[in-house]
Structure formats: structure tokens, C-alpha cells
N, C-alpha and C. Protein backbone atom coordinates (compact mmCIF):
# COMPACT_ATOMS: atom_id res chain seq x y z
N MET A 1 -30.17 63.67 -25.23
CA MET A 1 -28.97 62.78 -25.43
C MET A 1 -28.96 61.61 -25.84
N ASN A 2 -28.72 61.51 -26.93
CA ASN A 2 -28.80 60.36 -27.63
C ASN A 2 -27.37 59.95 -28.00
N ILE A 3 -26.83 58.78 -27.45
CA ILE A 3 -25.44 58.32 -27.35
C ILE A 3 -25.45 57.19 -28.44
N LYS A 4 -24.55 57.30 -29.35
CA LYS A 4 -24.42 56.44 -30.48
C LYS A 4 -23.42 55.16 -29.77
N LEU A 5 -23.90 53.86 -29.94
CA LEU A 5 -23.02 52.88 -29.34
C LEU A 5 -22.33 52.00 -30.15
N LYS A 6 -22.46 52.58 -31.57
CA LYS A 6 -21.54 51.69 -32.56
C LYS A 6 -20.03 51.79 -32.34
N HIS A 7 -19.59 52.94 -31.91
CA HIS A 7 -18.09 52.98 -31.81
C HIS A 7 -17.64 52.19 -30.56
N GLN A 8 -18.53 51.83 -29.72
CA GLN A 8 -17.95 51.12 -28.47
C GLN A 8 -18.22 49.64 -28.49
N GLN A 9 -18.72 49.06 -29.54
CA GLN A 9 -18.95 47.61 -29.74
C GLN A 9 -17.63 46.90 -29.72
N GLY A 10 -17.49 45.90 -28.87
CA GLY A 10 -16.33 44.94 -28.81
C GLY A 10 -15.18 45.55 -27.84
N ILE A 11 -15.05 46.63 -27.26
CA ILE A 11 -14.24 47.13 -26.32
C ILE A 11 -14.19 46.44 -25.11
N VAL A 12 -15.35 45.88 -24.66
CA VAL A 12 -15.31 45.16 -23.44
C VAL A 12 -14.81 43.69 -23.73
N LEU A 13 -15.09 43.20 -24.92
CA LEU A 13 -14.51 41.89 -25.29
C LEU A 13 -13.10 41.97 -25.39
N PHE A 14 -12.57 42.97 -26.08
CA PHE A 14 -10.96 43.44 -25.99
C PHE A 14 -10.29 43.16 -24.56
N PHE A 15 -10.99 44.07 -23.70
CA PHE A 15 -10.40 44.20 -22.24
C PHE A 15 -10.57 42.68 -21.44
N SER A 16 -11.46 42.03 -21.69
CA SER A 16 -11.69 40.79 -20.99
C SER A 16 -10.92 39.66 -21.63
N LEU A 17 -10.31 39.80 -22.85
CA LEU A 17 -9.51 38.94 -23.48
C LEU A 17 -8.04 39.26 -22.92
N ILE A 18 -7.81 40.31 -22.75
CA ILE A 18 -6.38 40.79 -22.18
C ILE A 18 -6.32 40.38 -20.63
N VAL A 19 -7.59 40.46 -19.78
CA VAL A 19 -7.38 39.87 -18.43
C VAL A 19 -7.31 38.47 -18.53
N LEU A 20 -7.94 37.93 -19.21
CA LEU A 20 -7.93 36.34 -19.41
C LEU A 20 -6.37 35.85 -19.77
N VAL A 21 -5.75 36.55 -20.70
CA VAL A 21 -4.48 36.23 -20.99
C VAL A 21 -3.47 36.42 -19.77
N MET A 22 -3.78 37.52 -19.04
CA MET A 22 -3.05 37.95 -17.91
C MET A 22 -3.24 36.81 -16.78
N MET A 23 -4.45 36.25 -16.49
CA MET A 23 -4.70 35.29 -15.54
C MET A 23 -4.14 34.02 -16.12
N THR A 24 -4.14 33.79 -17.16
CA THR A 24 -3.62 32.23 -17.71
C THR A 24 -1.96 32.40 -17.57
N VAL A 25 -1.45 33.45 -17.81
CA VAL A 25 -0.05 33.62 -17.57
C VAL A 25 0.37 33.44 -16.00
N ILE A 26 -0.48 34.03 -15.18
CA ILE A 26 -0.21 34.10 -13.77
C ILE A 26 -0.42 32.40 -13.25
N GLY A 27 -1.49 31.86 -13.91
CA GLY A 27 -1.72 30.52 -13.51
C GLY A 27 -0.63 29.64 -13.92
N VAL A 28 -0.03 29.77 -15.01
CA VAL A 28 0.99 28.78 -15.48
C VAL A 28 2.25 29.03 -14.70
N ALA A 29 2.56 30.26 -14.36
CA ALA A 29 3.68 30.61 -13.47
C ALA A 29 3.54 30.08 -12.02
N LEU A 30 2.43 30.00 -11.56
CA LEU A 30 2.32 29.47 -10.36
C LEU A 30 2.40 27.89 -10.38
N ALA A 31 1.75 27.25 -11.49
CA ALA A 31 1.98 25.68 -11.58
C ALA A 31 3.50 25.42 -11.69
N VAL A 32 4.37 26.23 -12.49
CA VAL A 32 5.73 25.87 -12.63
C VAL A 32 6.42 26.05 -11.36
N SER A 33 6.09 27.10 -10.56
CA SER A 33 6.55 27.22 -9.21
C SER A 33 6.28 26.27 -8.35
N SER A 34 5.18 25.65 -8.25
CA SER A 34 4.62 24.65 -7.39
C SER A 34 5.38 23.40 -7.72
N THR A 35 5.62 23.07 -9.18
CA THR A 35 6.31 21.91 -9.63
C THR A 35 7.78 21.93 -8.96
N GLN A 36 8.52 22.97 -9.16
CA GLN A 36 9.75 23.23 -8.62
C GLN A 36 9.91 23.08 -7.21
N SER A 37 9.00 23.62 -6.39
CA SER A 37 8.96 23.39 -4.98
C SER A 37 8.87 21.92 -4.63
N LEU A 38 8.00 21.32 -5.34
CA LEU A 38 7.85 19.86 -4.95
C LEU A 38 9.11 19.01 -5.20
N ARG A 39 9.87 19.36 -6.36
CA ARG A 39 11.20 18.68 -6.68
C ARG A 39 12.21 19.12 -5.59
N MET A 40 12.23 20.22 -5.15
CA MET A 40 13.18 20.67 -4.08
C MET A 40 12.86 19.99 -2.80
N SER A 41 11.67 20.00 -2.53
CA SER A 41 11.31 19.24 -1.13
C SER A 41 11.71 17.67 -1.29
N GLY A 42 11.38 17.17 -2.46
CA GLY A 42 11.68 15.71 -2.60
C GLY A 42 13.18 15.51 -2.62
N ALA A 43 13.96 16.46 -3.14
CA ALA A 43 15.56 16.42 -3.12
C ALA A 43 16.08 16.38 -1.59
N GLY A 44 15.40 17.29 -0.79
CA GLY A 44 15.72 17.50 0.59
C GLY A 44 15.44 15.97 1.44
N SER A 45 14.24 15.43 1.01
CA SER A 45 13.89 14.46 1.77
C SER A 45 14.74 13.12 1.31
N GLU A 46 15.29 12.99 0.07
CA GLU A 46 16.22 12.13 -0.35
C GLU A 46 17.51 12.19 0.39
N ARG A 47 17.89 13.46 0.60
CA ARG A 47 19.14 13.84 1.27
C ARG A 47 19.25 13.36 2.59
N VAL A 48 17.92 13.58 3.31
CA VAL A 48 17.80 13.17 4.77
C VAL A 48 17.83 11.63 4.71
N GLU A 49 17.11 10.87 3.97
CA GLU A 49 17.19 9.47 3.77
C GLU A 49 18.69 8.95 3.45
N ALA A 50 19.45 9.78 2.64
CA ALA A 50 20.89 9.19 2.33
C ALA A 50 21.62 9.34 3.70
N MET A 51 21.50 10.44 4.46
CA MET A 51 22.15 10.68 5.65
C MET A 51 21.96 9.58 6.83
N ALA A 52 20.57 9.33 6.95
CA ALA A 52 20.21 8.24 7.80
C ALA A 52 20.80 6.92 7.36
N ALA A 53 20.80 6.62 6.18
CA ALA A 53 21.56 5.40 5.50
C ALA A 53 23.11 5.33 5.81
N ALA A 54 23.48 6.51 5.59
CA ALA A 54 25.13 6.61 6.00
C ALA A 54 25.31 6.21 7.41
N HIS A 55 24.49 6.96 8.21
CA HIS A 55 24.80 6.71 9.65
C HIS A 55 24.40 5.16 9.97
N GLY A 56 23.51 4.60 9.30
CA GLY A 56 23.12 3.32 9.71
C GLY A 56 24.41 2.41 9.31
N ALA A 57 24.80 2.74 8.20
CA ALA A 57 25.77 1.84 7.68
C ALA A 57 27.08 2.10 8.53
N LEU A 58 27.34 3.07 8.98
CA LEU A 58 28.54 3.60 9.93
C LEU A 58 28.26 2.74 11.18
N GLU A 59 27.19 2.60 11.92
CA GLU A 59 26.87 1.95 12.95
C GLU A 59 26.98 0.36 12.68
N ASN A 60 26.56 -0.26 11.53
CA ASN A 60 26.80 -1.60 11.35
C ASN A 60 28.29 -1.86 11.20
N ALA A 61 28.93 -0.96 10.43
CA ALA A 61 30.44 -1.27 10.40
C ALA A 61 31.05 -1.35 11.79
N ILE A 62 30.85 -0.65 12.77
CA ILE A 62 31.23 -0.58 13.97
C ILE A 62 30.79 -1.85 14.62
N LYS A 63 29.47 -2.12 14.55
CA LYS A 63 28.95 -3.24 15.36
C LYS A 63 29.59 -4.54 14.74
N ASN A 64 29.56 -4.73 13.53
CA ASN A 64 30.27 -6.02 12.93
C ASN A 64 31.71 -6.24 12.95
N SER A 65 32.34 -4.86 13.37
CA SER A 65 33.84 -5.17 13.54
C SER A 65 34.27 -5.00 14.99
N SER A 66 33.15 -5.10 15.84
CA SER A 66 33.63 -4.93 17.35
C SER A 66 34.37 -6.30 17.65
N GLY A 67 35.13 -6.22 18.70
CA GLY A 67 35.80 -7.36 19.16
C GLY A 67 37.31 -7.27 18.31
N ALA A 68 37.58 -8.33 17.58
CA ALA A 68 38.92 -8.32 17.02
C ALA A 68 38.92 -7.64 15.59
N GLY A 69 37.76 -7.20 15.14
CA GLY A 69 37.61 -6.92 13.68
C GLY A 69 38.55 -5.89 13.20
N PHE A 70 38.79 -4.76 13.88
CA PHE A 70 39.66 -3.85 13.57
C PHE A 70 41.28 -4.16 13.79
N VAL A 71 41.36 -5.08 14.83
CA VAL A 71 42.79 -5.41 15.06
C VAL A 71 43.43 -6.27 14.09
N THR A 72 42.39 -7.23 13.55
CA THR A 72 42.93 -8.12 12.40
C THR A 72 42.90 -7.57 11.07
N MET A 73 42.44 -6.25 10.84
CA MET A 73 42.37 -5.44 9.65
C MET A 73 43.88 -5.42 9.13
N ASP A 74 43.94 -5.38 7.82
CA ASP A 74 45.19 -5.12 7.01
C ASP A 74 45.39 -3.57 7.26
N MET A 75 46.52 -3.20 7.89
CA MET A 75 46.68 -1.80 8.11
C MET A 75 47.06 -1.01 6.99
N ASP A 76 47.62 -1.81 6.01
CA ASP A 76 48.04 -0.84 4.85
C ASP A 76 46.95 -0.65 3.86
N ASN A 77 46.00 -1.59 3.54
CA ASN A 77 45.00 -1.41 2.58
C ASN A 77 43.56 -1.10 3.22
N GLY A 78 43.34 -1.30 4.54
CA GLY A 78 42.07 -1.26 5.04
C GLY A 78 41.04 -2.23 4.71
N MET A 79 39.78 -1.95 4.51
CA MET A 79 38.91 -2.89 4.10
C MET A 79 37.57 -2.14 3.71
N THR A 80 36.95 -2.73 2.87
CA THR A 80 35.61 -2.19 2.38
C THR A 80 34.36 -2.89 2.78
N ILE A 81 33.29 -2.41 3.41
CA ILE A 81 32.20 -3.08 3.90
C ILE A 81 31.00 -2.55 2.98
N THR A 82 30.30 -3.44 2.40
CA THR A 82 29.17 -2.96 1.53
C THR A 82 27.88 -3.29 2.36
N ASP A 83 27.10 -2.40 2.62
CA ASP A 83 25.64 -2.84 3.30
C ASP A 83 24.81 -2.87 2.30
N ALA A 84 24.34 -4.10 1.91
CA ALA A 84 23.36 -4.33 0.78
C ALA A 84 21.88 -3.77 1.25
N THR A 85 21.75 -3.86 2.44
CA THR A 85 20.23 -3.39 2.86
C THR A 85 19.95 -1.95 2.88
N LEU A 86 21.20 -1.18 3.18
CA LEU A 86 21.11 0.24 2.99
C LEU A 86 21.54 0.79 1.65
N GLY A 87 22.25 -0.04 1.11
CA GLY A 87 23.05 0.39 -0.37
C GLY A 87 24.08 1.42 -0.10
N VAL A 88 24.89 1.16 0.94
CA VAL A 88 26.00 2.21 1.38
C VAL A 88 27.25 1.28 1.38
N LYS A 89 28.34 2.06 0.79
CA LYS A 89 29.74 1.48 1.01
C LYS A 89 30.43 2.21 2.06
N SER A 90 30.96 1.39 2.77
CA SER A 90 31.77 1.89 3.93
C SER A 90 33.31 1.54 3.76
N SER A 91 34.29 2.52 3.87
CA SER A 91 35.62 2.10 3.81
C SER A 91 36.30 2.20 5.24
N VAL A 92 37.05 1.29 5.66
CA VAL A 92 37.67 1.52 7.03
C VAL A 92 38.96 1.46 6.71
N LYS A 93 39.83 2.30 7.29
CA LYS A 93 41.30 2.46 7.17
C LYS A 93 42.03 2.95 8.41
N ALA A 94 43.02 2.39 8.65
CA ALA A 94 43.85 2.81 9.68
C ALA A 94 44.55 4.20 9.75
N LEU A 95 44.53 4.87 10.77
CA LEU A 95 44.99 6.29 10.71
C LEU A 95 46.41 6.34 11.14
N THR A 96 46.87 5.32 11.96
CA THR A 96 48.19 5.04 12.38
C THR A 96 48.55 3.55 12.12
N LYS A 97 49.72 3.42 11.55
CA LYS A 97 50.26 1.95 11.34
C LYS A 97 50.47 1.14 12.61
N ALA A 98 50.83 1.86 13.70
CA ALA A 98 51.29 1.13 14.90
C ALA A 98 50.20 1.52 16.01
N ASP A 99 50.20 0.75 17.14
CA ASP A 99 49.47 1.14 18.18
C ASP A 99 50.02 2.41 19.02
N VAL A 100 49.11 3.27 19.24
CA VAL A 100 49.61 4.48 19.94
C VAL A 100 48.90 4.61 21.29
N ASN A 101 49.44 5.72 21.90
CA ASN A 101 48.71 6.05 23.21
C ASN A 101 47.19 6.43 23.05
N CYS A 102 46.26 5.99 24.00
CA CYS A 102 44.99 6.34 23.92
C CYS A 102 44.52 7.74 24.19
N GLN A 103 43.71 8.39 23.50
CA GLN A 103 43.46 9.74 23.86
C GLN A 103 42.52 9.90 25.17
N ARG A 104 41.54 9.07 25.14
CA ARG A 104 40.59 8.90 26.22
C ARG A 104 40.79 7.77 26.93
N SER A 105 41.47 7.72 28.06
CA SER A 105 41.59 6.52 28.88
C SER A 105 41.47 6.93 30.37
N ALA A 106 40.50 6.26 30.86
CA ALA A 106 40.20 6.65 32.31
C ALA A 106 41.03 5.69 33.34
N ASP A 107 41.46 4.43 32.74
CA ASP A 107 42.30 3.71 33.69
C ASP A 107 43.84 3.92 33.45
N ALA A 108 44.25 3.98 34.49
CA ALA A 108 45.81 4.07 34.52
C ALA A 108 46.40 2.67 34.23
N SER A 109 47.57 2.68 33.59
CA SER A 109 48.21 1.54 33.26
C SER A 109 49.78 1.90 33.52
N SER A 110 50.26 1.01 34.64
CA SER A 110 51.55 1.48 35.06
C SER A 110 52.62 0.86 34.03
N GLY A 111 52.27 -0.33 33.35
CA GLY A 111 53.14 -1.03 32.56
C GLY A 111 53.00 -0.45 31.16
N ASP A 112 52.29 0.36 30.87
CA ASP A 112 51.86 0.78 29.45
C ASP A 112 51.09 -0.37 28.61
N LEU A 113 50.25 -1.12 29.35
CA LEU A 113 49.74 -2.24 28.70
C LEU A 113 48.79 -2.00 27.78
N ILE A 114 48.15 -0.83 27.80
CA ILE A 114 46.88 -0.69 26.93
C ILE A 114 47.38 0.51 25.92
N LYS A 115 47.15 0.12 24.67
CA LYS A 115 47.40 0.90 23.42
C LYS A 115 46.15 1.27 22.79
N CYS A 116 46.01 1.98 21.62
CA CYS A 116 45.06 2.03 20.89
C CYS A 116 45.31 2.13 19.52
N ILE A 117 44.23 1.66 18.67
CA ILE A 117 44.39 1.76 17.22
C ILE A 117 43.41 2.83 16.94
N ARG A 118 43.79 3.67 16.05
CA ARG A 118 42.93 4.80 15.43
C ARG A 118 42.45 4.31 14.15
N ILE A 119 41.17 4.27 13.74
CA ILE A 119 40.54 4.03 12.55
C ILE A 119 39.54 5.03 12.23
N GLN A 120 39.57 5.16 10.86
CA GLN A 120 38.63 6.14 10.05
C GLN A 120 37.72 5.33 9.33
N ILE A 121 36.37 5.61 9.56
CA ILE A 121 35.30 5.10 8.75
C ILE A 121 34.55 5.95 7.97
N GLU A 122 34.44 5.76 6.63
CA GLU A 122 33.87 6.61 5.73
C GLU A 122 32.71 5.97 4.95
N SER A 123 31.60 6.32 5.20
CA SER A 123 30.29 5.82 4.62
C SER A 123 29.91 6.64 3.53
N THR A 124 29.63 6.25 2.39
CA THR A 124 29.10 7.03 1.31
C THR A 124 27.77 6.52 0.82
N ALA A 125 26.71 7.25 0.84
CA ALA A 125 25.49 6.98 0.44
C ALA A 125 25.09 7.82 -0.92
N GLU A 126 24.55 7.17 -2.05
CA GLU A 126 24.24 8.00 -3.18
C GLU A 126 22.68 8.08 -3.18
N PHE A 127 22.40 9.14 -3.70
CA PHE A 127 20.92 9.46 -3.87
C PHE A 127 20.45 10.35 -4.97
N GLY A 128 19.29 10.49 -5.25
CA GLY A 128 18.90 11.36 -6.27
C GLY A 128 18.58 10.63 -7.66
N ARG A 129 18.16 11.44 -8.56
CA ARG A 129 18.02 10.80 -9.92
C ARG A 129 19.25 10.36 -10.44
N ASP A 130 19.29 9.25 -11.01
CA ASP A 130 20.50 8.60 -11.58
C ASP A 130 21.65 8.61 -10.49
N ASN A 131 21.37 8.54 -9.19
CA ASN A 131 22.45 8.80 -8.09
C ASN A 131 23.50 9.78 -8.36
N LEU A 132 22.85 10.68 -8.96
CA LEU A 132 23.89 11.98 -9.03
C LEU A 132 24.31 12.68 -7.65
N GLY A 133 23.58 12.52 -6.62
CA GLY A 133 23.96 13.08 -5.36
C GLY A 133 24.79 11.89 -4.57
N SER A 134 25.88 12.49 -3.87
CA SER A 134 26.58 11.71 -2.99
C SER A 134 26.69 12.48 -1.53
N LEU A 135 26.50 11.52 -0.61
CA LEU A 135 26.84 12.14 0.81
C LEU A 135 27.76 11.17 1.58
N THR A 136 28.72 11.69 2.10
CA THR A 136 29.83 11.04 2.76
C THR A 136 29.91 11.44 4.34
N THR A 137 29.83 10.48 5.18
CA THR A 137 30.05 10.72 6.57
C THR A 137 31.38 10.09 6.96
N VAL A 138 32.20 10.77 7.68
CA VAL A 138 33.64 10.47 8.18
C VAL A 138 33.56 10.35 9.67
N ASN A 139 33.85 9.28 10.06
CA ASN A 139 34.04 9.17 11.75
C ASN A 139 35.27 8.42 12.16
N GLY A 140 35.76 8.86 13.16
CA GLY A 140 36.94 8.27 13.84
C GLY A 140 36.53 7.23 14.94
N VAL A 141 37.36 6.21 15.12
CA VAL A 141 37.11 5.03 16.06
C VAL A 141 38.49 4.90 16.67
N GLU A 142 38.44 4.88 18.15
CA GLU A 142 39.66 4.43 18.77
C GLU A 142 39.33 3.11 19.56
N GLN A 143 40.04 2.00 19.26
CA GLN A 143 39.87 0.85 19.93
C GLN A 143 41.17 0.53 20.73
N GLU A 144 40.78 0.14 22.09
CA GLU A 144 41.83 -0.30 22.98
C GLU A 144 42.40 -1.65 22.58
N VAL A 145 43.53 -1.94 22.67
CA VAL A 145 44.11 -3.23 22.46
C VAL A 145 45.26 -3.45 23.55
N LEU A 146 45.59 -4.52 23.78
CA LEU A 146 46.65 -4.92 24.72
C LEU A 146 48.05 -4.87 24.15
N ASN A 147 48.84 -4.20 24.73
CA ASN A 147 50.20 -3.89 24.17
C ASN A 147 51.19 -5.06 24.83
N ILE A 148 51.36 -6.01 24.07
CA ILE A 148 52.15 -7.07 24.49
C ILE A 148 53.50 -7.02 23.69
N LYS A 149 54.64 -6.96 24.28
CA LYS A 149 55.78 -6.91 23.54
C LYS A 149 56.77 -7.94 23.99
């Protein structure tokens, strides 16, 4: 049994090169997939940060306008509040031009002394690369006022 090995020289090298190319393609595909996953998770965290900033600006707008802030507001044009620390703009506008009955009132008023002003506060936070993403929260506020006629 004398086998000639001259015809089999290089076949192992050929198969090992094919396996090497396949492993390289799989490695590159995994690296690209990993990079895309990191980008998506980063975008998700930026969205969460923008949501927190919008809610914070909303709370600041309510806190800074407590007392007579909404009552003295121009009912036709509203007002814009820019929170420089959070980088969020909030617009405040009246939903009704005149005082209306309160939706949630626990105290009875025989002389109809208490009315309400309904306000909408819209906070918009921008996020992402080149601020391409925008997240807006819209909330309503009802402020009791004394109805003097």
C-alpha cells in the first residue's frame, strides 16, 4: 500500500483559509452588531434623560408660577419659560379665557366665590446627535382664584 501524497498537497491549506475567511466574516458581523446595540442603548438613555429634564422643567414652571403667576399671565399670548440649567423650554397658555367652575373642589361655596383658571404647560426637551430628537410633555394645571365681581 503505497499512497502517493503529491496530489493532496495544499488541500488542508485551502480548507483552513476558507474557515479563516468565514471566522473573519462572523467576527466583523458581531462587531457591527455590538456597535449598533451600543448606539441604540445610548439613544435610549438620552431619551430617559430628556424625559427627566422635561418633567423637571415642568415642576420648575409650576413652582416659579405659584401664587399669582398664572393669574397675572397674559391670557391671549401665554408665556414662555426657559430653564437654562435643564436646557428645556416650557410654554404656558390658558385653556380658557375667563374663570370657570373648578373640576375638583372639595369646599362648597354658596356665593360662587371660588373659580378656576385652567392652564396648559408644554415642556419640550431636545436630545440626541445635533438635537434631532424632541420630547414634549403636556400637563394641565387648575388654579383656584377668588371670583370678585
